Amino acid sequence: MSGETKKRFPFHESIVGAIRHAFNANEMECLSLLIKKTKIPRGHDEIIAAWNQRARDLLLPIDNAFGVPVDLQDQKKEAEAEELAKSQAERDAVERQLNRDRSFAAGSL
């Protein structure tokens, strides 16, 4: 192996390229298994758009499409809820620190 570094991409970017190059329904089915087994934190809308376009190109039934669009919508909701919880936890931590600082300042007067 040479000393060159390979450029790596986040999953949500890589999978879009793989979807666009899927040759047939069998390849789409394999990608669907990978997508549904992977926790995808972002890029859901881009993946869904690429998936639906390629399914149309390959004349696959959009209403099913191996369950990928529905799964990705569910993952998107989960990711948004996790992000909201994380933001709330960060705000709570800042508020606790501010309260401690205020208590300390009031006690030292």
PDB file of N, CA and C in Angstrom:
ATOM      1  N   MET A   1       0.856  -1.187   0.000  1.00  0.00           N
ATOM      2  CA  MET A   1       0.000   0.000   0.000  1.00  0.00           C
ATOM      3  C   MET A   1       0.889   1.234   0.000  1.00  0.00           C
ATOM      4  N   SER A   2       0.530   2.201  -0.777  1.00  0.00           N
ATOM      5  CA  SER A   2       1.337   3.418  -0.883  1.00  0.00           C
ATOM      6  C   SER A   2       1.071   4.332   0.298  1.00  0.00           C
ATOM      7  N   GLY A   3       1.874   5.379   0.421  1.00  0.00           N
ATOM      8  CA  GLY A   3       1.748   6.320   1.517  1.00  0.00           C
ATOM      9  C   GLY A   3       0.644   7.347   1.301  1.00  0.00           C
ATOM     10  N   GLU A   4      -0.124   7.209   0.234  1.00  0.00           N
ATOM     11  CA  GLU A   4      -1.195   8.161  -0.037  1.00  0.00           C
ATOM     12  C   GLU A   4      -2.349   7.958   0.943  1.00  0.00           C
ATOM     13  N   THR A   5      -2.941   9.064   1.332  1.00  0.00           N
ATOM     14  CA  THR A   5      -4.126   8.963   2.187  1.00  0.00           C
ATOM     15  C   THR A   5      -5.355   8.986   1.303  1.00  0.00           C
ATOM     16  N   LYS A   6      -6.273   8.103   1.615  1.00  0.00           N
ATOM     17  CA  LYS A   6      -7.517   8.066   0.867  1.00  0.00           C
ATOM     18  C   LYS A   6      -8.488   9.050   1.498  1.00  0.00           C
ATOM     19  N   LYS A   7      -9.177   9.752   0.649  1.00  0.00           N
ATOM     20  CA  LYS A   7     -10.203  10.655   1.168  1.00  0.00           C
ATOM     21  C   LYS A   7     -11.406   9.813   1.553  1.00  0.00           C
ATOM     22  N   ARG A   8     -11.834   9.972   2.787  1.00  0.00           N
ATOM     23  CA  ARG A   8     -12.985   9.244   3.296  1.00  0.00           C
ATOM     24  C   ARG A   8     -14.139  10.215   3.498  1.00  0.00           C
ATOM     25  N   PHE A   9     -15.328   9.688   3.336  1.00  0.00           N
ATOM     26  CA  PHE A   9     -16.530  10.509   3.432  1.00  0.00           C
ATOM     27  C   PHE A   9     -17.439   9.971   4.525  1.00  0.00           C
ATOM     28  N   PRO A  10     -18.288  10.836   5.083  1.00  0.00           N
ATOM     29  CA  PRO A  10     -19.290  10.352   6.035  1.00  0.00           C
ATOM     30  C   PRO A  10     -20.228   9.363   5.332  1.00  0.00           C
ATOM     31  N   PHE A  11     -20.807   8.462   6.120  1.00  0.00           N
ATOM     32  CA  PHE A  11     -21.670   7.424   5.552  1.00  0.00           C
ATOM     33  C   PHE A  11     -22.775   8.018   4.679  1.00  0.00           C
ATOM     34  N   HIS A  12     -23.421   9.071   5.167  1.00  0.00           N
ATOM     35  CA  HIS A  12     -24.558   9.604   4.419  1.00  0.00           C
ATOM     36  C   HIS A  12     -24.149  10.141   3.052  1.00  0.00           C
ATOM     37  N   GLU A  13     -22.909  10.558   2.900  1.00  0.00           N
ATOM     38  CA  GLU A  13     -22.436  11.002   1.585  1.00  0.00           C
ATOM     39  C   GLU A  13     -22.042   9.802   0.722  1.00  0.00           C
ATOM     40  N   SER A  14     -21.381   8.835   1.307  1.00  0.00           N
ATOM     41  CA  SER A  14     -20.945   7.651   0.557  1.00  0.00           C
ATOM     42  C   SER A  14     -22.116   6.828   0.045  1.00  0.00           C
ATOM     43  N   ILE A  15     -23.134   6.675   0.899  1.00  0.00           N
ATOM     44  CA  ILE A  15     -24.259   5.823   0.498  1.00  0.00           C
ATOM     45  C   ILE A  15     -25.043   6.443  -0.644  1.00  0.00           C
ATOM     46  N   VAL A  16     -25.103   7.765  -0.696  1.00  0.00           N
ATOM     47  CA  VAL A  16     -25.794   8.415  -1.819  1.00  0.00           C
ATOM     48  C   VAL A  16     -25.106   8.040  -3.131  1.00  0.00           C
ATOM     49  N   GLY A  17     -23.786   8.068  -3.153  1.00  0.00           N
ATOM     50  CA  GLY A  17     -23.057   7.668  -4.364  1.00  0.00           C
ATOM     51  C   GLY A  17     -23.285   6.206  -4.716  1.00  0.00           C
ATOM     52  N   ALA A  18     -23.298   5.358  -3.703  1.00  0.00           N
ATOM     53  CA  ALA A  18     -23.532   3.934  -3.942  1.00  0.00           C
ATOM     54  C   ALA A  18     -24.936   3.705  -4.501  1.00  0.00           C
ATOM     55  N   ILE A  19     -25.902   4.415  -3.969  1.00  0.00           N
ATOM     56  CA  ILE A  19     -27.286   4.282  -4.464  1.00  0.00           C
ATOM     57  C   ILE A  19     -27.347   4.695  -5.934  1.00  0.00           C
ATOM     58  N   ARG A  20     -26.730   5.813  -6.250  1.00  0.00           N
ATOM     59  CA  ARG A  20     -26.782   6.322  -7.636  1.00  0.00           C
ATOM     60  C   ARG A  20     -26.121   5.372  -8.630  1.00  0.00           C
ATOM     61  N   HIS A  21     -25.202   4.526  -8.135  1.00  0.00           N
ATOM     62  CA  HIS A  21     -24.505   3.593  -9.023  1.00  0.00           C
ATOM     63  C   HIS A  21     -25.048   2.170  -8.937  1.00  0.00           C
ATOM     64  N   ALA A  22     -26.103   1.967  -8.161  1.00  0.00           N
ATOM     65  CA  ALA A  22     -26.686   0.624  -8.066  1.00  0.00           C
ATOM     66  C   ALA A  22     -27.165   0.191  -9.446  1.00  0.00           C
ATOM     67  N   PHE A  23     -26.804  -1.027  -9.812  1.00  0.00           N
ATOM     68  CA  PHE A  23     -27.059  -1.512 -11.167  1.00  0.00           C
ATOM     69  C   PHE A  23     -28.448  -2.131 -11.324  1.00  0.00           C
ATOM     70  N   ASN A  24     -28.951  -2.746 -10.250  1.00  0.00           N
ATOM     71  CA  ASN A  24     -30.230  -3.449 -10.370  1.00  0.00           C
ATOM     72  C   ASN A  24     -30.911  -3.564  -9.004  1.00  0.00           C
ATOM     73  N   ALA A  25     -32.058  -4.232  -8.989  1.00  0.00           N
ATOM     74  CA  ALA A  25     -32.830  -4.384  -7.760  1.00  0.00           C
ATOM     75  C   ALA A  25     -32.056  -5.164  -6.703  1.00  0.00           C
ATOM     76  N   ASN A  26     -31.249  -6.129  -7.107  1.00  0.00           N
ATOM     77  CA  ASN A  26     -30.467  -6.900  -6.128  1.00  0.00           C
ATOM     78  C   ASN A  26     -29.472  -6.003  -5.390  1.00  0.00           C
ATOM     79  N   GLU A  27     -28.829  -5.115  -6.115  1.00  0.00           N
ATOM     80  CA  GLU A  27     -27.892  -4.188  -5.471  1.00  0.00           C
ATOM     81  C   GLU A  27     -28.635  -3.214  -4.558  1.00  0.00           C
ATOM     82  N   MET A  28     -29.795  -2.775  -4.978  1.00  0.00           N
ATOM     83  CA  MET A  28     -30.595  -1.891  -4.123  1.00  0.00           C
ATOM     84  C   MET A  28     -31.018  -2.621  -2.855  1.00  0.00           C
ATOM     85  N   GLU A  29     -31.363  -3.885  -2.982  1.00  0.00           N
ATOM     86  CA  GLU A  29     -31.758  -4.656  -1.806  1.00  0.00           C
ATOM     87  C   GLU A  29     -30.589  -4.789  -0.837  1.00  0.00           C
ATOM     88  N   CYS A  30     -29.396  -5.032  -1.351  1.00  0.00           N
ATOM     89  CA  CYS A  30     -28.204  -5.108  -0.490  1.00  0.00           C
ATOM     90  C   CYS A  30     -27.963  -3.775   0.214  1.00  0.00           C
ATOM     91  N   LEU A  31     -28.078  -2.691  -0.524  1.00  0.00           N
ATOM     92  CA  LEU A  31     -27.910  -1.371   0.083  1.00  0.00           C
ATOM     93  C   LEU A  31     -28.995  -1.114   1.127  1.00  0.00           C
ATOM     94  N   SER A  32     -30.203  -1.594   0.864  1.00  0.00           N
ATOM     95  CA  SER A  32     -31.287  -1.387   1.825  1.00  0.00           C
ATOM     96  C   SER A  32     -30.968  -2.075   3.153  1.00  0.00           C
ATOM     97  N   LEU A  33     -30.369  -3.250   3.102  1.00  0.00           N
ATOM     98  CA  LEU A  33     -30.004  -3.958   4.339  1.00  0.00           C
ATOM     99  C   LEU A  33     -28.952  -3.172   5.109  1.00  0.00           C
ATOM    100  N   LEU A  34     -27.990  -2.639   4.397  1.00  0.00           N
ATOM    101  CA  LEU A  34     -26.943  -1.841   5.027  1.00  0.00           C
ATOM    102  C   LEU A  34     -27.535  -0.574   5.660  1.00  0.00           C
ATOM    103  N   ILE A  35     -28.381   0.102   4.930  1.00  0.00           N
ATOM    104  CA  ILE A  35     -28.986   1.341   5.422  1.00  0.00           C
ATOM    105  C   ILE A  35     -29.811   1.069   6.680  1.00  0.00           C
ATOM    106  N   LYS A  36     -30.605   0.009   6.642  1.00  0.00           N
ATOM    107  CA  LYS A  36     -31.498  -0.268   7.773  1.00  0.00           C
ATOM    108  C   LYS A  36     -30.765  -0.803   8.993  1.00  0.00           C
ATOM    109  N   LYS A  37     -29.540  -1.293   8.828  1.00  0.00           N
ATOM    110  CA  LYS A  37     -28.748  -1.784   9.960  1.00  0.00           C
ATOM    111  C   LYS A  37     -27.798  -0.731  10.518  1.00  0.00           C
ATOM    112  N   THR A  38     -27.686   0.406   9.849  1.00  0.00           N
ATOM    113  CA  THR A  38     -26.729   1.445  10.230  1.00  0.00           C
ATOM    114  C   THR A  38     -27.444   2.610  10.889  1.00  0.00           C
ATOM    115  N   LYS A  39     -26.872   3.094  11.983  1.00  0.00           N
ATOM    116  CA  LYS A  39     -27.406   4.305  12.612  1.00  0.00           C
ATOM    117  C   LYS A  39     -26.882   5.495  11.817  1.00  0.00           C
ATOM    118  N   ILE A  40     -27.787   6.224  11.230  1.00  0.00           N
ATOM    119  CA  ILE A  40     -27.432   7.343  10.352  1.00  0.00           C
ATOM    120  C   ILE A  40     -27.846   8.637  11.043  1.00  0.00           C
ATOM    121  N   PRO A  41     -26.881   9.452  11.482  1.00  0.00           N
ATOM    122  CA  PRO A  41     -27.224  10.653  12.245  1.00  0.00           C
ATOM    123  C   PRO A  41     -27.654  11.857  11.417  1.00  0.00           C
ATOM    124  N   ARG A  42     -27.316  11.883  10.140  1.00  0.00           N
ATOM    125  CA  ARG A  42     -27.668  13.047   9.319  1.00  0.00           C
ATOM    126  C   ARG A  42     -27.736  12.641   7.849  1.00  0.00           C
ATOM    127  N   GLY A  43     -28.232  13.575   7.031  1.00  0.00           N
ATOM    128  CA  GLY A  43     -28.297  13.345   5.588  1.00  0.00           C
ATOM    129  C   GLY A  43     -29.472  12.489   5.143  1.00  0.00           C
ATOM    130  N   HIS A  44     -30.468  12.343   6.004  1.00  0.00           N
ATOM    131  CA  HIS A  44     -31.604  11.466   5.694  1.00  0.00           C
ATOM    132  C   HIS A  44     -32.346  11.900   4.432  1.00  0.00           C
ATOM    133  N   ASP A  45     -32.606  13.188   4.316  1.00  0.00           N
ATOM    134  CA  ASP A  45     -33.368  13.673   3.157  1.00  0.00           C
ATOM    135  C   ASP A  45     -32.617  13.434   1.854  1.00  0.00           C
ATOM    136  N   GLU A  46     -31.299  13.625   1.882  1.00  0.00           N
ATOM    137  CA  GLU A  46     -30.488  13.399   0.676  1.00  0.00           C
ATOM    138  C   GLU A  46     -30.496  11.925   0.288  1.00  0.00           C
ATOM    139  N   ILE A  47     -30.421  11.058   1.284  1.00  0.00           N
ATOM    140  CA  ILE A  47     -30.437   9.616   1.003  1.00  0.00           C
ATOM    141  C   ILE A  47     -31.795   9.215   0.440  1.00  0.00           C
ATOM    142  N   ILE A  48     -32.863   9.712   1.045  1.00  0.00           N
ATOM    143  CA  ILE A  48     -34.212   9.383   0.569  1.00  0.00           C
ATOM    144  C   ILE A  48     -34.393   9.856  -0.870  1.00  0.00           C
ATOM    145  N   ALA A  49     -33.948  11.066  -1.168  1.00  0.00           N
ATOM    146  CA  ALA A  49     -34.086  11.591  -2.540  1.00  0.00           C
ATOM    147  C   ALA A  49     -33.323  10.725  -3.535  1.00  0.00           C
ATOM    148  N   ALA A  50     -32.084  10.358  -3.188  1.00  0.00           N
ATOM    149  CA  ALA A  50     -31.281   9.513  -4.082  1.00  0.00           C
ATOM    150  C   ALA A  50     -31.934   8.140  -4.234  1.00  0.00           C
ATOM    151  N   TRP A  51     -32.431   7.610  -3.114  1.00  0.00           N
ATOM    152  CA  TRP A  51     -33.060   6.290  -3.138  1.00  0.00           C
ATOM    153  C   TRP A  51     -34.296   6.290  -4.044  1.00  0.00           C
ATOM    154  N   ASN A  52     -35.167   7.264  -3.839  1.00  0.00           N
ATOM    155  CA  ASN A  52     -36.392   7.313  -4.637  1.00  0.00           C
ATOM    156  C   ASN A  52     -36.100   7.511  -6.120  1.00  0.00           C
ATOM    157  N   GLN A  53     -35.110   8.357  -6.431  1.00  0.00           N
ATOM    158  CA  GLN A  53     -34.752   8.576  -7.835  1.00  0.00           C
ATOM    159  C   GLN A  53     -34.235   7.292  -8.467  1.00  0.00           C
ATOM    160  N   ARG A  54     -33.338   6.584  -7.757  1.00  0.00           N
ATOM    161  CA  ARG A  54     -32.769   5.361  -8.326  1.00  0.00           C
ATOM    162  C   ARG A  54     -33.832   4.274  -8.435  1.00  0.00           C
ATOM    163  N   ALA A  55     -34.729   4.216  -7.464  1.00  0.00           N
ATOM    164  CA  ALA A  55     -35.823   3.233  -7.543  1.00  0.00           C
ATOM    165  C   ALA A  55     -36.689   3.504  -8.774  1.00  0.00           C
ATOM    166  N   ARG A  56     -36.977   4.785  -9.031  1.00  0.00           N
ATOM    167  CA  ARG A  56     -37.730   5.133 -10.242  1.00  0.00           C
ATOM    168  C   ARG A  56     -36.949   4.748 -11.497  1.00  0.00           C
ATOM    169  N   ASP A  57     -35.646   5.048 -11.507  1.00  0.00           N
ATOM    170  CA  ASP A  57     -34.808   4.723 -12.665  1.00  0.00           C
ATOM    171  C   ASP A  57     -34.822   3.225 -12.968  1.00  0.00           C
ATOM    172  N   LEU A  58     -34.837   2.416 -11.899  1.00  0.00           N
ATOM    173  CA  LEU A  58     -34.804   0.956 -12.060  1.00  0.00           C
ATOM    174  C   LEU A  58     -36.200   0.349 -12.130  1.00  0.00           C
ATOM    175  N   LEU A  59     -37.213   1.206 -12.156  1.00  0.00           N
ATOM    176  CA  LEU A  59     -38.611   0.783 -12.242  1.00  0.00           C
ATOM    177  C   LEU A  59     -39.023  -0.098 -11.060  1.00  0.00           C
ATOM    178  N   LEU A  60     -38.498   0.253  -9.885  1.00  0.00           N
ATOM    179  CA  LEU A  60     -38.884  -0.462  -8.667  1.00  0.00           C
ATOM    180  C   LEU A  60     -40.131   0.189  -8.082  1.00  0.00           C
ATOM    181  N   PRO A  61     -40.946  -0.584  -7.391  1.00  0.00           N
ATOM    182  CA  PRO A  61     -42.147   0.013  -6.797  1.00  0.00           C
ATOM    183  C   PRO A  61     -41.784   0.989  -5.677  1.00  0.00           C
ATOM    184  N   ILE A  62     -42.104   2.239  -5.859  1.00  0.00           N
ATOM    185  CA  ILE A  62     -41.761   3.291  -4.895  1.00  0.00           C
ATOM    186  C   ILE A  62     -42.509   3.098  -3.582  1.00  0.00           C
ATOM    187  N   ASP A  63     -43.732   2.553  -3.648  1.00  0.00           N
ATOM    188  CA  ASP A  63     -44.524   2.412  -2.425  1.00  0.00           C
ATOM    189  C   ASP A  63     -43.873   1.467  -1.425  1.00  0.00           C
ATOM    190  N   ASN A  64     -42.983   0.583  -1.865  1.00  0.00           N
ATOM    191  CA  ASN A  64     -42.291  -0.320  -0.951  1.00  0.00           C
ATOM    192  C   ASN A  64     -40.821   0.070  -0.861  1.00  0.00           C
ATOM    193  N   ALA A  65     -40.112  -0.040  -1.974  1.00  0.00           N
ATOM    194  CA  ALA A  65     -38.692   0.339  -2.074  1.00  0.00           C
ATOM    195  C   ALA A  65     -37.871  -0.246  -0.930  1.00  0.00           C
ATOM    196  N   PHE A  66     -38.150  -1.509  -0.586  1.00  0.00           N
ATOM    197  CA  PHE A  66     -37.434  -2.254   0.458  1.00  0.00           C
ATOM    198  C   PHE A  66     -37.552  -1.593   1.832  1.00  0.00           C
ATOM    199  N   GLY A  67     -38.508  -0.714   2.001  1.00  0.00           N
ATOM    200  CA  GLY A  67     -38.737  -0.079   3.296  1.00  0.00           C
ATOM    201  C   GLY A  67     -37.744   1.003   3.669  1.00  0.00           C
ATOM    202  N   VAL A  68     -36.882   1.386   2.748  1.00  0.00           N
ATOM    203  CA  VAL A  68     -35.824   2.347   3.066  1.00  0.00           C
ATOM    204  C   VAL A  68     -36.361   3.749   3.375  1.00  0.00           C
ATOM    205  N   PRO A  69     -37.224   4.333   2.557  1.00  0.00           N
ATOM    206  CA  PRO A  69     -37.691   5.688   2.885  1.00  0.00           C
ATOM    207  C   PRO A  69     -38.367   5.778   4.253  1.00  0.00           C
ATOM    208  N   VAL A  70     -39.187   4.793   4.595  1.00  0.00           N
ATOM    209  CA  VAL A  70     -39.865   4.799   5.896  1.00  0.00           C
ATOM    210  C   VAL A  70     -38.844   4.664   7.021  1.00  0.00           C
ATOM    211  N   ASP A  71     -37.895   3.755   6.848  1.00  0.00           N
ATOM    212  CA  ASP A  71     -36.858   3.567   7.865  1.00  0.00           C
ATOM    213  C   ASP A  71     -36.044   4.843   8.063  1.00  0.00           C
ATOM    214  N   LEU A  72     -35.695   5.502   6.976  1.00  0.00           N
ATOM    215  CA  LEU A  72     -34.913   6.732   7.080  1.00  0.00           C
ATOM    216  C   LEU A  72     -35.708   7.865   7.725  1.00  0.00           C
ATOM    217  N   GLN A  73     -36.992   7.926   7.454  1.00  0.00           N
ATOM    218  CA  GLN A  73     -37.825   8.938   8.127  1.00  0.00           C
ATOM    219  C   GLN A  73     -37.848   8.679   9.633  1.00  0.00           C
ATOM    220  N   ASP A  74     -37.948   7.406  10.017  1.00  0.00           N
ATOM    221  CA  ASP A  74     -37.913   7.053  11.443  1.00  0.00           C
ATOM    222  C   ASP A  74     -36.573   7.433  12.057  1.00  0.00           C
ATOM    223  N   GLN A  75     -35.484   7.118  11.344  1.00  0.00           N
ATOM    224  CA  GLN A  75     -34.149   7.462  11.847  1.00  0.00           C
ATOM    225  C   GLN A  75     -33.986   8.976  11.970  1.00  0.00           C
ATOM    226  N   LYS A  76     -34.540   9.716  11.035  1.00  0.00           N
ATOM    227  CA  LYS A  76     -34.447  11.172  11.088  1.00  0.00           C
ATOM    228  C   LYS A  76     -35.142  11.707  12.342  1.00  0.00           C
ATOM    229  N   LYS A  77     -36.329  11.183  12.631  1.00  0.00           N
ATOM    230  CA  LYS A  77     -37.054  11.600  13.831  1.00  0.00           C
ATOM    231  C   LYS A  77     -36.247  11.267  15.088  1.00  0.00           C
ATOM    232  N   GLU A  78     -35.654  10.074  15.128  1.00  0.00           N
ATOM    233  CA  GLU A  78     -34.835   9.672  16.281  1.00  0.00           C
ATOM    234  C   GLU A  78     -33.620  10.586  16.428  1.00  0.00           C
ATOM    235  N   ALA A  79     -32.957  10.893  15.323  1.00  0.00           N
ATOM    236  CA  ALA A  79     -31.773  11.754  15.364  1.00  0.00           C
ATOM    237  C   ALA A  79     -32.141  13.157  15.837  1.00  0.00           C
ATOM    238  N   GLU A  80     -33.272  13.668  15.375  1.00  0.00           N
ATOM    239  CA  GLU A  80     -33.718  14.999  15.806  1.00  0.00           C
ATOM    240  C   GLU A  80     -34.050  15.011  17.295  1.00  0.00           C
ATOM    241  N   ALA A  81     -34.693  13.945  17.771  1.00  0.00           N
ATOM    242  CA  ALA A  81     -35.021  13.852  19.201  1.00  0.00           C
ATOM    243  C   ALA A  81     -33.752  13.760  20.044  1.00  0.00           C
ATOM    244  N   GLU A  82     -32.766  12.995  19.581  1.00  0.00           N
ATOM    245  CA  GLU A  82     -31.492  12.894  20.295  1.00  0.00           C
ATOM    246  C   GLU A  82     -30.776  14.239  20.337  1.00  0.00           C
ATOM    247  N   GLU A  83     -30.795  14.955  19.234  1.00  0.00           N
ATOM    248  CA  GLU A  83     -30.145  16.266  19.170  1.00  0.00           C
ATOM    249  C   GLU A  83     -30.839  17.256  20.098  1.00  0.00           C
ATOM    250  N   LEU A  84     -32.153  17.201  20.128  1.00  0.00           N
ATOM    251  CA  LEU A  84     -32.919  18.078  21.012  1.00  0.00           C
ATOM    252  C   LEU A  84     -32.605  17.768  22.481  1.00  0.00           C
ATOM    253  N   ALA A  85     -32.537  16.485  22.825  1.00  0.00           N
ATOM    254  CA  ALA A  85     -32.217  16.085  24.200  1.00  0.00           C
ATOM    255  C   ALA A  85     -30.806  16.518  24.571  1.00  0.00           C
ATOM    256  N   LYS A  86     -29.886  16.379  23.639  1.00  0.00           N
ATOM    257  CA  LYS A  86     -28.500  16.789  23.886  1.00  0.00           C
ATOM    258  C   LYS A  86     -28.420  18.301  24.110  1.00  0.00           C
ATOM    259  N   SER A  87     -29.108  19.060  23.286  1.00  0.00           N
ATOM    260  CA  SER A  87     -29.122  20.520  23.439  1.00  0.00           C
ATOM    261  C   SER A  87     -29.726  20.926  24.775  1.00  0.00           C
ATOM    262  N   GLN A  88     -30.803  20.253  25.159  1.00  0.00           N
ATOM    263  CA  GLN A  88     -31.444  20.563  26.439  1.00  0.00           C
ATOM    264  C   GLN A  88     -30.507  20.234  27.594  1.00  0.00           C
ATOM    265  N   ALA A  89     -29.810  19.111  27.526  1.00  0.00           N
ATOM    266  CA  ALA A  89     -28.865  18.735  28.577  1.00  0.00           C
ATOM    267  C   ALA A  89     -27.736  19.758  28.686  1.00  0.00           C
ATOM    268  N   GLU A  90     -27.269  20.262  27.548  1.00  0.00           N
ATOM    269  CA  GLU A  90     -26.217  21.283  27.560  1.00  0.00           C
ATOM    270  C   GLU A  90     -26.733  22.584  28.177  1.00  0.00           C
ATOM    271  N   ARG A  91     -27.959  22.969  27.821  1.00  0.00           N
ATOM    272  CA  ARG A  91     -28.543  24.182  28.413  1.00  0.00           C
ATOM    273  C   ARG A  91     -28.717  24.017  29.923  1.00  0.00           C
ATOM    274  N   ASP A  92     -29.154  22.833  30.346  1.00  0.00           N
ATOM    275  CA  ASP A  92     -29.330  22.571  31.770  1.00  0.00           C
ATOM    276  C   ASP A  92     -27.995  22.653  32.514  1.00  0.00           C
ATOM    277  N   ALA A  93     -26.937  22.125  31.915  1.00  0.00           N
ATOM    278  CA  ALA A  93     -25.615  22.173  32.545  1.00  0.00           C
ATOM    279  C   ALA A  93     -25.126  23.610  32.685  1.00  0.00           C
ATOM    280  N   VAL A  94     -25.342  24.422  31.669  1.00  0.00           N
ATOM    281  CA  VAL A  94     -24.948  25.833  31.726  1.00  0.00           C
ATOM    282  C   VAL A  94     -25.747  26.547  32.813  1.00  0.00           C
ATOM    283  N   GLU A  95     -27.034  26.277  32.886  1.00  0.00           N
ATOM    284  CA  GLU A  95     -27.887  26.903  33.895  1.00  0.00           C
ATOM    285  C   GLU A  95     -27.440  26.513  35.306  1.00  0.00           C
ATOM    286  N   ARG A  96     -27.102  25.243  35.514  1.00  0.00           N
ATOM    287  CA  ARG A  96     -26.610  24.806  36.827  1.00  0.00           C
ATOM    288  C   ARG A  96     -25.323  25.537  37.196  1.00  0.00           C
ATOM    289  N   GLN A  97     -24.428  25.679  36.224  1.00  0.00           N
ATOM    290  CA  GLN A  97     -23.163  26.368  36.491  1.00  0.00           C
ATOM    291  C   GLN A  97     -23.409  27.837  36.812  1.00  0.00           C
ATOM    292  N   LEU A  98     -24.307  28.466  36.080  1.00  0.00           N
ATOM    293  CA  LEU A  98     -24.637  29.866  36.360  1.00  0.00           C
ATOM    294  C   LEU A  98     -25.220  30.017  37.767  1.00  0.00           C
ATOM    295  N   ASN A  99     -26.073  29.098  38.155  1.00  0.00           N
ATOM    296  CA  ASN A  99     -26.654  29.145  39.501  1.00  0.00           C
ATOM    297  C   ASN A  99     -25.584  28.969  40.577  1.00  0.00           C
ATOM    298  N   ARG A 100     -24.639  28.061  40.340  1.00  0.00           N
ATOM    299  CA  ARG A 100     -23.534  27.876  41.289  1.00  0.00           C
ATOM    300  C   ARG A 100     -22.692  29.146  41.383  1.00  0.00           C
ATOM    301  N   ASP A 101     -22.416  29.741  40.209  1.00  0.00           N
ATOM    302  CA  ASP A 101     -21.631  30.971  40.193  1.00  0.00           C
ATOM    303  C   ASP A 101     -22.353  32.096  40.933  1.00  0.00           C
ATOM    304  N   ARG A 102     -23.656  32.203  40.734  1.00  0.00           N
ATOM    305  CA  ARG A 102     -24.440  33.228  41.421  1.00  0.00           C
ATOM    306  C   ARG A 102     -24.448  32.999  42.938  1.00  0.00           C
ATOM    307  N   SER A 103     -24.605  31.745  43.334  1.00  0.00           N
ATOM    308  CA  SER A 103     -24.605  31.411  44.756  1.00  0.00           C
ATOM    309  C   SER A 103     -23.255  31.745  45.385  1.00  0.00           C
ATOM    310  N   PHE A 104     -22.177  31.411  44.680  1.00  0.00           N
ATOM    311  CA  PHE A 104     -20.841  31.691  45.179  1.00  0.00           C
ATOM    312  C   PHE A 104     -20.635  33.201  45.303  1.00  0.00           C
ATOM    313  N   ALA A 105     -21.039  33.938  44.255  1.00  0.00           N
ATOM    314  CA  ALA A 105     -20.875  35.400  44.264  1.00  0.00           C
ATOM    315  C   ALA A 105     -21.698  36.040  45.383  1.00  0.00           C
ATOM    316  N   ALA A 106     -22.905  35.546  45.600  1.00  0.00           N
ATOM    317  CA  ALA A 106     -23.752  36.099  46.646  1.00  0.00           C
ATOM    318  C   ALA A 106     -23.185  35.792  48.019  1.00  0.00           C
ATOM    319  N   GLY A 107     -22.575  34.636  48.185  1.00  0.00           N
ATOM    320  CA  GLY A 107     -21.998  34.253  49.474  1.00  0.00           C
ATOM    321  C   GLY A 107     -20.712  34.966  49.786  1.00  0.00           C
ATOM    322  N   SER A 108     -20.024  35.448  48.793  1.00  0.00           N
ATOM    323  CA  SER A 108     -18.738  36.105  49.032  1.00  0.00           C
ATOM    324  C   SER A 108     -18.879  37.602  49.232  1.00  0.00           C
ATOM    325  N   LEU A 109     -20.097  38.107  49.155  1.00  0.00           N
ATOM    326  CA  LEU A 109     -20.301  39.549  49.344  1.00  0.00           C
ATOM    327  C   LEU A 109     -20.313  39.916  50.791  1.00  0.00           C
TER     328      LEU A 109
END
